[in-house]
C-alpha atoms as a PDB file:
ATOM      1  CA  UNK A   1      93.314 106.945  88.656  1.00  0.00           C
ATOM      2  CA  UNK A   2      90.773 104.202  87.920  1.00  0.00           C
ATOM      3  CA  UNK A   3      87.133 105.337  87.723  1.00  0.00           C
ATOM      4  CA  UNK A   4      84.970 104.419  90.707  1.00  0.00           C
ATOM      5  CA  UNK A   5      82.592 102.410  88.513  1.00  0.00           C
ATOM      6  CA  UNK A   6      85.503 100.076  87.790  1.00  0.00           C
ATOM      7  CA  UNK A   7      85.864  99.395  91.491  1.00  0.00           C
ATOM      8  CA  UNK A   8      82.131  98.875  92.032  1.00  0.00           C
ATOM      9  CA  UNK A   9      81.864  96.291  89.308  1.00  0.00           C
ATOM     10  CA  UNK A  10      85.028  94.342  89.861  1.00  0.00           C
ATOM     11  CA  UNK A  11      86.151  92.227  92.808  1.00  0.00           C
ATOM     12  CA  UNK A  12      89.891  92.422  93.359  1.00  0.00           C
ATOM     13  CA  UNK A  13      91.957  90.004  95.400  1.00  0.00           C
ATOM     14  CA  UNK A  14      95.486  90.156  96.720  1.00  0.00           C
ATOM     15  CA  UNK A  15      97.803  88.026  98.829  1.00  0.00           C
ATOM     16  CA  UNK A  16      99.713  89.707 101.600  1.00  0.00           C
ATOM     17  CA  UNK A  17     102.494  88.546 103.887  1.00  0.00           C
ATOM     18  CA  UNK A  18     103.354  89.783 107.358  1.00  0.00           C
ATOM     19  CA  UNK A  19     106.086  88.899 109.836  1.00  0.00           C
ATOM     20  CA  UNK A  20     105.589  88.640 113.606  1.00  0.00           C
ATOM     21  CA  UNK A  21     102.277  90.488 113.757  1.00  0.00           C
ATOM     22  CA  UNK A  22      98.656  89.563 114.279  1.00  0.00           C
ATOM     23  CA  UNK A  23      96.772  89.350 110.998  1.00  0.00           C
ATOM     24  CA  UNK A  24      93.838  91.239 112.477  1.00  0.00           C
ATOM     25  CA  UNK A  25      96.117  94.049 113.665  1.00  0.00           C
ATOM     26  CA  UNK A  26      97.779  94.121 110.249  1.00  0.00           C
ATOM     27  CA  UNK A  27      94.444  94.587 108.487  1.00  0.00           C
ATOM     28  CA  UNK A  28      92.974  96.990 111.025  1.00  0.00           C
ATOM     29  CA  UNK A  29      90.047  94.690 111.810  1.00  0.00           C
ATOM     30  CA  UNK A  30      88.480  95.061 115.279  1.00  0.00           C
ATOM     31  CA  UNK A  31      89.400  92.073 117.429  1.00  0.00           C
ATOM     32  CA  UNK A  32      86.265  89.911 117.646  1.00  0.00           C
ATOM     33  CA  UNK A  33      85.734  86.180 117.894  1.00  0.00           C
ATOM     34  CA  UNK A  34      84.094  84.426 114.959  1.00  0.00           C
ATOM     35  CA  UNK A  35      81.008  83.828 117.130  1.00  0.00           C
ATOM     36  CA  UNK A  36      80.776  87.524 117.973  1.00  0.00           C
ATOM     37  CA  UNK A  37      81.036  88.401 114.292  1.00  0.00           C
ATOM     38  CA  UNK A  38      78.256  85.941 113.409  1.00  0.00           C
ATOM     39  CA  UNK A  39      76.004  87.365 116.139  1.00  0.00           C
ATOM     40  CA  UNK A  40      76.591  90.877 114.844  1.00  0.00           C
ATOM     41  CA  UNK A  41      75.629  89.826 111.291  1.00  0.00           C
ATOM     42  CA  UNK A  42      72.065  88.854 112.301  1.00  0.00           C
ATOM     43  CA  UNK A  43      69.649  90.810 110.113  1.00  0.00           C
ATOM     44  CA  UNK A  44      67.329  92.881 112.363  1.00  0.00           C
ATOM     45  CA  UNK A  45      63.571  92.809 111.766  1.00  0.00           C
ATOM     46  CA  UNK A  46      62.941  96.493 111.125  1.00  0.00           C
ATOM     47  CA  UNK A  47      59.430  97.863 110.788  1.00  0.00           C
ATOM     48  CA  UNK A  48      60.569 100.910 108.855  1.00  0.00           C
ATOM     49  CA  UNK A  49      63.738 101.971 107.074  1.00  0.00           C
ATOM     50  CA  UNK A  50      66.349  99.801 105.365  1.00  0.00           C
ATOM     51  CA  UNK A  51      68.905  97.459 106.885  1.00  0.00           C
ATOM     52  CA  UNK A  52      72.202  99.344 106.693  1.00  0.00           C
ATOM     53  CA  UNK A  53      75.871  98.355 106.950  1.00  0.00           C
ATOM     54  CA  UNK A  54      75.841  99.737 110.489  1.00  0.00           C
ATOM     55  CA  UNK A  55      73.175  97.190 111.465  1.00  0.00           C
ATOM     56  CA  UNK A  56      75.306  94.229 110.359  1.00  0.00           C
ATOM     57  CA  UNK A  57      78.937  95.251 110.655  1.00  0.00           C
ATOM     58  CA  UNK A  58      81.255  97.243 112.905  1.00  0.00           C
ATOM     59  CA  UNK A  59      81.696 100.164 110.490  1.00  0.00           C
ATOM     60  CA  UNK A  60      81.447 103.916 110.890  1.00  0.00           C
ATOM     61  CA  UNK A  61      80.913 107.126 108.969  1.00  0.00           C
ATOM     62  CA  UNK A  62      78.770 107.331 105.848  1.00  0.00           C
ATOM     63  CA  UNK A  63      79.094 103.599 105.162  1.00  0.00           C
ATOM     64  CA  UNK A  64      77.262 102.775 108.408  1.00  0.00           C
ATOM     65  CA  UNK A  65      74.237 104.711 107.101  1.00  0.00           C
ATOM     66  CA  UNK A  66      74.171 103.131 103.634  1.00  0.00           C
ATOM     67  CA  UNK A  67      71.415 100.590 102.952  1.00  0.00           C
ATOM     68  CA  UNK A  68      72.544  97.198 101.663  1.00  0.00           C
ATOM     69  CA  UNK A  69      71.376  96.540  98.104  1.00  0.00           C
ATOM     70  CA  UNK A  70      71.223  93.364  95.997  1.00  0.00           C
ATOM     71  CA  UNK A  71      74.063  94.781  93.902  1.00  0.00           C
ATOM     72  CA  UNK A  72      76.249  95.075  97.014  1.00  0.00           C
ATOM     73  CA  UNK A  73      75.544  91.442  97.905  1.00  0.00           C
ATOM     74  CA  UNK A  74      76.309  90.350  94.343  1.00  0.00           C
ATOM     75  CA  UNK A  75      79.645  92.176  94.382  1.00  0.00           C
ATOM     76  CA  UNK A  76      80.638  90.552  97.681  1.00  0.00           C
ATOM     77  CA  UNK A  77      79.610  87.108  96.391  1.00  0.00           C
ATOM     78  CA  UNK A  78      81.872  87.673  93.388  1.00  0.00           C
ATOM     79  CA  UNK A  79      84.758  88.773  95.625  1.00  0.00           C
ATOM     80  CA  UNK A  80      84.356  85.758  97.935  1.00  0.00           C
ATOM     81  CA  UNK A  81      84.210  83.384  94.978  1.00  0.00           C
ATOM     82  CA  UNK A  82      87.424  84.816  93.541  1.00  0.00           C
ATOM     83  CA  UNK A  83      89.155  84.571  96.918  1.00  0.00           C
ATOM     84  CA  UNK A  84      88.129  81.109  98.109  1.00  0.00           C
ATOM     85  CA  UNK A  85      86.172  79.496  95.286  1.00  0.00           C
ATOM     86  CA  UNK A  86      82.671  80.070  96.662  1.00  0.00           C
ATOM     87  CA  UNK A  87      80.547  81.468  99.471  1.00  0.00           C
ATOM     88  CA  UNK A  88      79.045  79.966 102.625  1.00  0.00           C
ATOM     89  CA  UNK A  89      75.891  80.569 104.670  1.00  0.00           C
ATOM     90  CA  UNK A  90      77.862  82.317 107.426  1.00  0.00           C
ATOM     91  CA  UNK A  91      79.802  84.612 105.094  1.00  0.00           C
ATOM     92  CA  UNK A  92      79.498  88.380 104.742  1.00  0.00           C
ATOM     93  CA  UNK A  93      77.968  87.924 101.285  1.00  0.00           C
ATOM     94  CA  UNK A  94      75.215  85.672 102.685  1.00  0.00           C
ATOM     95  CA  UNK A  95      74.384  88.181 105.427  1.00  0.00           C
ATOM     96  CA  UNK A  96      74.342  90.995 102.891  1.00  0.00           C
ATOM     97  CA  UNK A  97      72.030  88.986 100.627  1.00  0.00           C
ATOM     98  CA  UNK A  98      69.560  88.403 103.489  1.00  0.00           C
ATOM     99  CA  UNK A  99      69.619  92.109 104.322  1.00  0.00           C
ATOM    100  CA  UNK A 100      69.168  93.108 100.671  1.00  0.00           C
ATOM    101  CA  UNK A 101      66.244  90.696 100.244  1.00  0.00           C
ATOM    102  CA  UNK A 102      64.537  92.188 103.292  1.00  0.00           C
ATOM    103  CA  UNK A 103      65.124  95.719 102.025  1.00  0.00           C
ATOM    104  CA  UNK A 104      63.542  94.820  98.676  1.00  0.00           C
ATOM    105  CA  UNK A 105      60.536  93.107 100.308  1.00  0.00           C
ATOM    106  CA  UNK A 106      59.947  96.102 102.571  1.00  0.00           C
ATOM    107  CA  UNK A 107      60.367  98.604  99.739  1.00  0.00           C
ATOM    108  CA  UNK A 108      62.958 100.267 101.956  1.00  0.00           C
ATOM    109  CA  UNK A 109      65.567 101.161  99.335  1.00  0.00           C
ATOM    110  CA  UNK A 110      65.526 104.882  98.496  1.00  0.00           C
ATOM    111  CA  UNK A 111      66.665 104.397  94.895  1.00  0.00           C
ATOM    112  CA  UNK A 112      66.702 101.720  92.223  1.00  0.00           C
ATOM    113  CA  UNK A 113      68.194  98.640  93.878  1.00  0.00           C
ATOM    114  CA  UNK A 114      69.925  97.342  90.768  1.00  0.00           C
ATOM    115  CA  UNK A 115      72.999  99.404  91.575  1.00  0.00           C
ATOM    116  CA  UNK A 116      75.356  99.834  94.501  1.00  0.00           C
ATOM    117  CA  UNK A 117      75.160 102.834  96.806  1.00  0.00           C
ATOM    118  CA  UNK A 118      78.551 102.344  98.444  1.00  0.00           C
ATOM    119  CA  UNK A 119      81.523 104.640  97.888  1.00  0.00           C
ATOM    120  CA  UNK A 120      84.272 104.723  95.327  1.00  0.00           C
ATOM    121  CA  UNK A 121      86.500 102.008  96.820  1.00  0.00           C
ATOM    122  CA  UNK A 122      83.863  99.322  96.272  1.00  0.00           C
ATOM    123  CA  UNK A 123      84.184  95.741  97.492  1.00  0.00           C
ATOM    124  CA  UNK A 124      87.430  93.868  98.060  1.00  0.00           C
ATOM    125  CA  UNK A 125      88.242  90.382  99.368  1.00  0.00           C
ATOM    126  CA  UNK A 126      91.753  89.928 100.727  1.00  0.00           C
ATOM    127  CA  UNK A 127      93.624  86.719 101.493  1.00  0.00           C
ATOM    128  CA  UNK A 128      96.521  87.251 103.899  1.00  0.00           C
ATOM    129  CA  UNK A 129      99.019  84.398 104.163  1.00  0.00           C
ATOM    130  CA  UNK A 130     100.948  84.267 107.427  1.00  0.00           C
ATOM    131  CA  UNK A 131     103.316  81.626 108.810  1.00  0.00           C
ATOM    132  CA  UNK A 132     100.642  79.658 110.685  1.00  0.00           C
ATOM    133  CA  UNK A 133      97.337  80.917 109.358  1.00  0.00           C
ATOM    134  CA  UNK A 134      95.437  82.264 106.384  1.00  0.00           C
ATOM    135  CA  UNK A 135      93.161  85.233 107.052  1.00  0.00           C
ATOM    136  CA  UNK A 136      90.235  86.067 104.785  1.00  0.00           C
ATOM    137  CA  UNK A 137      89.170  89.687 105.181  1.00  0.00           C
ATOM    138  CA  UNK A 138      86.275  91.344 103.384  1.00  0.00           C
ATOM    139  CA  UNK A 139      86.305  95.098 102.881  1.00  0.00           C
ATOM    140  CA  UNK A 140      83.560  97.503 101.787  1.00  0.00           C
ATOM    141  CA  UNK A 141      84.437 101.056 100.767  1.00  0.00           C
ATOM    142  CA  UNK A 142      87.809 100.777 102.509  1.00  0.00           C
ATOM    143  CA  UNK A 143      86.440  99.471 105.857  1.00  0.00           C
ATOM    144  CA  UNK A 144      86.978  95.840 106.965  1.00  0.00           C
ATOM    145  CA  UNK A 145      83.619  94.203 107.741  1.00  0.00           C
ATOM    146  CA  UNK A 146      84.557  90.578 108.458  1.00  0.00           C
ATOM    147  CA  UNK A 147      87.730  88.589 109.058  1.00  0.00           C
ATOM    148  CA  UNK A 148      88.071  84.816 109.401  1.00  0.00           C
ATOM    149  CA  UNK A 149      91.327  83.110 110.423  1.00  0.00           C
ATOM    150  CA  UNK A 150      92.131  79.585 109.224  1.00  0.00           C
ATOM    151  CA  UNK A 151      95.014  77.665 110.796  1.00  0.00           C
ATOM    152  CA  UNK A 152      97.379  76.002 108.312  1.00  0.00           C
ATOM    153  CA  UNK A 153     100.065  73.335 108.847  1.00  0.00           C
ATOM    154  CA  UNK A 154     103.718  74.253 108.372  1.00  0.00           C
ATOM    155  CA  UNK A 155     104.374  72.631 104.986  1.00  0.00           C
ATOM    156  CA  UNK A 156     107.502  73.234 102.866  1.00  0.00           C
ATOM    157  CA  UNK A 157     105.531  75.594 100.620  1.00  0.00           C
ATOM    158  CA  UNK A 158     104.334  77.626 103.632  1.00  0.00           C
ATOM    159  CA  UNK A 159     107.880  77.741 104.965  1.00  0.00           C
ATOM    160  CA  UNK A 160     109.082  78.980 101.568  1.00  0.00           C
ATOM    161  CA  UNK A 161     106.405  81.695 101.594  1.00  0.00           C
ATOM    162  CA  UNK A 162     107.888  83.111 104.792  1.00  0.00           C
ATOM    163  CA  UNK A 163     111.112  83.848 102.900  1.00  0.00           C
ATOM    164  CA  UNK A 164     109.466  85.450  99.881  1.00  0.00           C
ATOM    165  CA  UNK A 165     109.833  89.129  99.085  1.00  0.00           C
ATOM    166  CA  UNK A 166     106.856  91.443  99.389  1.00  0.00           C
ATOM    167  CA  UNK A 167     106.178  94.507  97.269  1.00  0.00           C
ATOM    168  CA  UNK A 168     107.087  96.684 100.244  1.00  0.00           C
ATOM    169  CA  UNK A 169     110.469  94.975 100.620  1.00  0.00           C
ATOM    170  CA  UNK A 170     111.112  95.245  96.867  1.00  0.00           C
ATOM    171  CA  UNK A 171     110.408  98.984  97.005  1.00  0.00           C
ATOM    172  CA  UNK A 172     112.830  99.287  99.923  1.00  0.00           C
ATOM    173  CA  UNK A 173     115.434  97.509  97.806  1.00  0.00           C
ATOM    174  CA  UNK A 174     114.900 100.075  95.050  1.00  0.00           C
ATOM    175  CA  UNK A 175     115.418 102.837  97.623  1.00  0.00           C
ATOM    176  CA  UNK A 176     118.832 101.371  98.444  1.00  0.00           C
ATOM    177  CA  UNK A 177     119.921 100.610  94.868  1.00  0.00           C
ATOM    178  CA  UNK A 178     118.852 103.818  93.103  1.00  0.00           C
ATOM    179  CA  UNK A 179     117.849 105.940  96.069  1.00  0.00           C
ATOM    180  CA  UNK A 180     119.792 109.032  95.014  1.00  0.00           C
ATOM    181  CA  UNK A 181     117.935 109.285  91.698  1.00  0.00           C
ATOM    182  CA  UNK A 182     115.513 112.217  91.501  1.00  0.00           C
ATOM    183  CA  UNK A 183     111.965 111.032  90.920  1.00  0.00           C
ATOM    184  CA  UNK A 184     110.693 111.308  87.359  1.00  0.00           C
ATOM    185  CA  UNK A 185     107.218 110.605  85.902  1.00  0.00           C
ATOM    186  CA  UNK A 186     108.241 107.021  85.093  1.00  0.00           C
ATOM    187  CA  UNK A 187     109.217 106.425  88.725  1.00  0.00           C
ATOM    188  CA  UNK A 188     105.974 107.933  89.992  1.00  0.00           C
ATOM    189  CA  UNK A 189     103.940 105.696  87.679  1.00  0.00           C
ATOM    190  CA  UNK A 190     105.844 102.612  88.789  1.00  0.00           C
ATOM    191  CA  UNK A 191     105.357 103.472  92.471  1.00  0.00           C
ATOM    192  CA  UNK A 192     101.658 104.095  91.937  1.00  0.00           C
ATOM    193  CA  UNK A 193     101.289 100.747  90.171  1.00  0.00           C
ATOM    194  CA  UNK A 194     103.225  98.928  92.905  1.00  0.00           C
ATOM    195  CA  UNK A 195     101.130 100.498  95.666  1.00  0.00           C
ATOM    196  CA  UNK A 196      97.932  99.524  93.870  1.00  0.00           C
ATOM    197  CA  UNK A 197      99.143  95.936  93.428  1.00  0.00           C
ATOM    198  CA  UNK A 198     100.089  95.715  97.103  1.00  0.00           C
ATOM    199  CA  UNK A 199      96.890  97.119  98.615  1.00  0.00           C
ATOM    200  CA  UNK A 200      94.296  96.186  96.009  1.00  0.00           C
ATOM    201  CA  UNK A 201      93.026  99.773  96.126  1.00  0.00           C
ATOM    202  CA  UNK A 202      93.044 101.649  92.831  1.00  0.00           C
ATOM    203  CA  UNK A 203      92.601 105.132  94.259  1.00  0.00           C
ATOM    204  CA  UNK A 204      95.693 107.124  95.243  1.00  0.00           C
ATOM    205  CA  UNK A 205      95.733 107.604  99.015  1.00  0.00           C
ATOM    206  CA  UNK A 206      96.437 111.205 100.063  1.00  0.00           C
ATOM    207  CA  UNK A 207      99.860 111.402 101.697  1.00  0.00           C
ATOM    208  CA  UNK A 208     100.816 107.920 100.516  1.00  0.00           C
ATOM    209  CA  UNK A 209     103.885 106.967  98.517  1.00  0.00           C
ATOM    210  CA  UNK A 210     102.109 107.216  95.166  1.00  0.00           C
ATOM    211  CA  UNK A 211     100.753 110.681  95.931  1.00  0.00           C
ATOM    212  CA  UNK A 212     104.130 111.861  97.209  1.00  0.00           C
ATOM    213  CA  UNK A 213     105.934 110.484  94.154  1.00  0.00           C
ATOM    214  CA  UNK A 214     103.452 112.101  91.775  1.00  0.00           C
ATOM    215  CA  UNK A 215     103.879 115.487  93.440  1.00  0.00           C
ATOM    216  CA  UNK A 216     107.671 115.084  93.324  1.00  0.00           C
ATOM    217  CA  UNK A 217     107.646 114.215  89.621  1.00  0.00           C
ATOM    218  CA  UNK A 218     105.746 117.434  88.920  1.00  0.00           C
ATOM    219  CA  UNK A 219     107.917 119.628  91.176  1.00  0.00           C
ATOM    220  CA  UNK A 220     111.422 118.251  90.541  1.00  0.00           C
ATOM    221  CA  UNK A 221     111.891 119.812  87.064  1.00  0.00           C
ATOM    222  CA  UNK A 222     111.285 123.247  88.591  1.00  0.00           C
ATOM    223  CA  UNK A 223     113.766 123.126  91.490  1.00  0.00           C
ATOM    224  CA  UNK A 224     117.516 122.920  91.929  1.00  0.00           C
ATOM    225  CA  UNK A 225     119.150 119.486  92.134  1.00  0.00           C
ATOM    226  CA  UNK A 226     119.750 119.718  95.873  1.00  0.00           C
ATOM    227  CA  UNK A 227     116.020 120.316  96.431  1.00  0.00           C
ATOM    228  CA  UNK A 228     114.749 117.458  94.291  1.00  0.00           C
ATOM    229  CA  UNK A 229     112.859 114.601  95.943  1.00  0.00           C
ATOM    230  CA  UNK A 230     114.623 111.278  95.428  1.00  0.00           C
ATOM    231  CA  UNK A 231     113.471 107.673  95.285  1.00  0.00           C
ATOM    232  CA  UNK A 232     114.977 107.102  98.727  1.00  0.00           C
ATOM    233  CA  UNK A 233     112.958 110.002 100.135  1.00  0.00           C
ATOM    234  CA  UNK A 234     109.750 108.234  99.111  1.00  0.00           C
ATOM    235  CA  UNK A 235     110.524 104.519  99.319  1.00  0.00           C
ATOM    236  CA  UNK A 236     112.657 104.188 102.460  1.00  0.00           C
ATOM    237  CA  UNK A 237     110.699 101.991 104.928  1.00  0.00           C
ATOM    238  CA  UNK A 238     108.105 101.369 102.210  1.00  0.00           C
ATOM    239  CA  UNK A 239     106.675  98.319 103.989  1.00  0.00           C
ATOM    240  CA  UNK A 240     105.536 100.416 106.938  1.00  0.00           C
ATOM    241  CA  UNK A 241     103.888 102.925 104.594  1.00  0.00           C
ATOM    242  CA  UNK A 242     101.620 100.358 102.924  1.00  0.00           C
ATOM    243  CA  UNK A 243      98.222  99.640 104.458  1.00  0.00           C
ATOM    244  CA  UNK A 244      98.529  96.107 103.043  1.00  0.00           C
ATOM    245  CA  UNK A 245     101.379  94.221 101.444  1.00  0.00           C
ATOM    246  CA  UNK A 246     101.682  91.101  99.320  1.00  0.00           C
ATOM    247  CA  UNK A 247     104.224  88.690  97.931  1.00  0.00           C
ATOM    248  CA  UNK A 248     105.579  89.882  94.572  1.00  0.00           C
ATOM    249  CA  UNK A 249     104.372  87.798  91.616  1.00  0.00           C
ATOM    250  CA  UNK A 250     105.434  87.893  87.947  1.00  0.00           C
ATOM    251  CA  UNK A 251     102.127  89.616  87.151  1.00  0.00           C
ATOM    252  CA  UNK A 252     102.895  92.359  89.691  1.00  0.00           C
ATOM    253  CA  UNK A 253     106.325  92.907  88.146  1.00  0.00           C
ATOM    254  CA  UNK A 254     104.895  93.010  84.620  1.00  0.00           C
ATOM    255  CA  UNK A 255     102.268  95.617  85.575  1.00  0.00           C
ATOM    256  CA  UNK A 256     104.799  97.837  87.353  1.00  0.00           C
ATOM    257  CA  UNK A 257     107.320  97.669  84.510  1.00  0.00           C
ATOM    258  CA  UNK A 258     104.584  98.474  81.983  1.00  0.00           C
ATOM    259  CA  UNK A 259     103.542 101.547  83.993  1.00  0.00           C
ATOM    260  CA  UNK A 260     107.169 102.629  84.247  1.00  0.00           C
ATOM    261  CA  UNK A 261     107.806 102.261  80.504  1.00  0.00           C
ATOM    262  CA  UNK A 262     104.623 104.105  79.509  1.00  0.00           C
ATOM    263  CA  UNK A 263     105.926 107.270  81.149  1.00  0.00           C
ATOM    264  CA  UNK A 264     109.621 106.943  80.304  1.00  0.00           C
ATOM    265  CA  UNK A 265     109.364 109.092  77.128  1.00  0.00           C
ATOM    266  CA  UNK A 266     111.154 106.380  75.186  1.00  0.00           C
ATOM    267  CA  UNK A 267     114.199 106.292  77.459  1.00  0.00           C
ATOM    268  CA  UNK A 268     115.616 102.883  78.335  1.00  0.00           C
ATOM    269  CA  UNK A 269     115.285 102.039  82.034  1.00  0.00           C
ATOM    270  CA  UNK A 270     117.941  99.638  83.297  1.00  0.00           C
ATOM    271  CA  UNK A 271     117.497 100.111  87.039  1.00  0.00           C
ATOM    272  CA  UNK A 272     114.654 101.345  89.157  1.00  0.00           C
ATOM    273  CA  UNK A 273     111.387 100.317  90.742  1.00  0.00           C
ATOM    274  CA  UNK A 274     110.407  97.986  87.918  1.00  0.00           C
ATOM    275  CA  UNK A 275     113.740  96.184  87.966  1.00  0.00           C
ATOM    276  CA  UNK A 276     113.454  95.668  91.728  1.00  0.00           C
ATOM    277  CA  UNK A 277     110.008  94.098  91.320  1.00  0.00           C
ATOM    278  CA  UNK A 278     111.258  91.841  88.511  1.00  0.00           C
ATOM    279  CA  UNK A 279     114.163  90.602  90.632  1.00  0.00           C
ATOM    280  CA  UNK A 280     111.832  89.967  93.584  1.00  0.00           C
ATOM    281  CA  UNK A 281     109.346  88.064  91.426  1.00  0.00           C
ATOM    282  CA  UNK A 282     112.095  85.840  90.005  1.00  0.00           C
ATOM    283  CA  UNK A 283     113.409  85.105  93.505  1.00  0.00           C
ATOM    284  CA  UNK A 284     109.919  84.257  94.754  1.00  0.00           C
ATOM    285  CA  UNK A 285     109.248  81.938  91.832  1.00  0.00           C
ATOM    286  CA  UNK A 286     112.446  80.048  92.591  1.00  0.00           C
ATOM    287  CA  UNK A 287     111.407  79.657  96.246  1.00  0.00           C
ATOM    288  CA  UNK A 288     107.915  78.584  95.234  1.00  0.00           C
ATOM    289  CA  UNK A 289     109.330  75.936  92.921  1.00  0.00           C
ATOM    290  CA  UNK A 290     111.662  74.686  95.651  1.00  0.00           C
ATOM    291  CA  UNK A 291     108.765  74.395  98.099  1.00  0.00           C
ATOM    292  CA  UNK A 292     106.626  72.467  95.610  1.00  0.00           C
ATOM    293  CA  UNK A 293     109.529  70.129  94.792  1.00  0.00           C
ATOM    294  CA  UNK A 294     110.126  69.393  98.480  1.00  0.00           C
ATOM    295  CA  UNK A 295     106.437  68.544  99.002  1.00  0.00           C
ATOM    296  CA  UNK A 296     106.478  66.133  96.046  1.00  0.00           C
ATOM    297  CA  UNK A 297     109.533  64.440  97.508  1.00  0.00           C
ATOM    298  CA  UNK A 298     107.787  64.061 100.856  1.00  0.00           C
END
């Protein structure tokens, strides 16, 4: 598990792919027009108390009560810059900066404002690539706060992206190829790494595939073979079990294989989760190259 401070001081990005579904539904973002989102992000002129996330965004729970600090705004600016190369005046980061500035001027922050007060999941900017649009979604402490959809033309490279394999699909392939194998610590580590790469969230979600695999790796040595949890038990329909998914890249495959090897106790691993990610990454790179070549020819 990665410490929460790592999440609060690092903006992580990921690229996800979905088929035949609304990007906003995929990401769990409330359906709002861009104008409605901009109206909601107006910073209120409060006479007392800080501007909170609940004042600017459609969030709930403890996050809605948290005041927005300069550190929060800085983290979101970093995330936006990593995702799209910069920020704009109508972005979430800009709204957060205005709110933070007002909180500082009013002396409304309850603690030192050089740190973030948000939870352990921190700030994330996500770029979701779909067949006809790109969706930029910004997330604070696990809750989506803003989503902007950008229409894109159907170029050869976009068409190729529709055929690429996601991490979820690669995990499903592993379930079919080595599904009868009882889960070991190396498998659990690989699944945890793959889930993290897919969702961009470092923390293990309770009841998720990583948590289930970890529990199985600990229990399997103590039960009879017929009672052991297998890879298929955990990874069947993996795509539907991920909160977000992304196209497999060589970097994803490298990270998953490294996690798998670290916990293999020196045993050689020929087939498994890591191998499935490697095969998917190689396939995707071939498609990406084909798409780029077609565009050059055009």
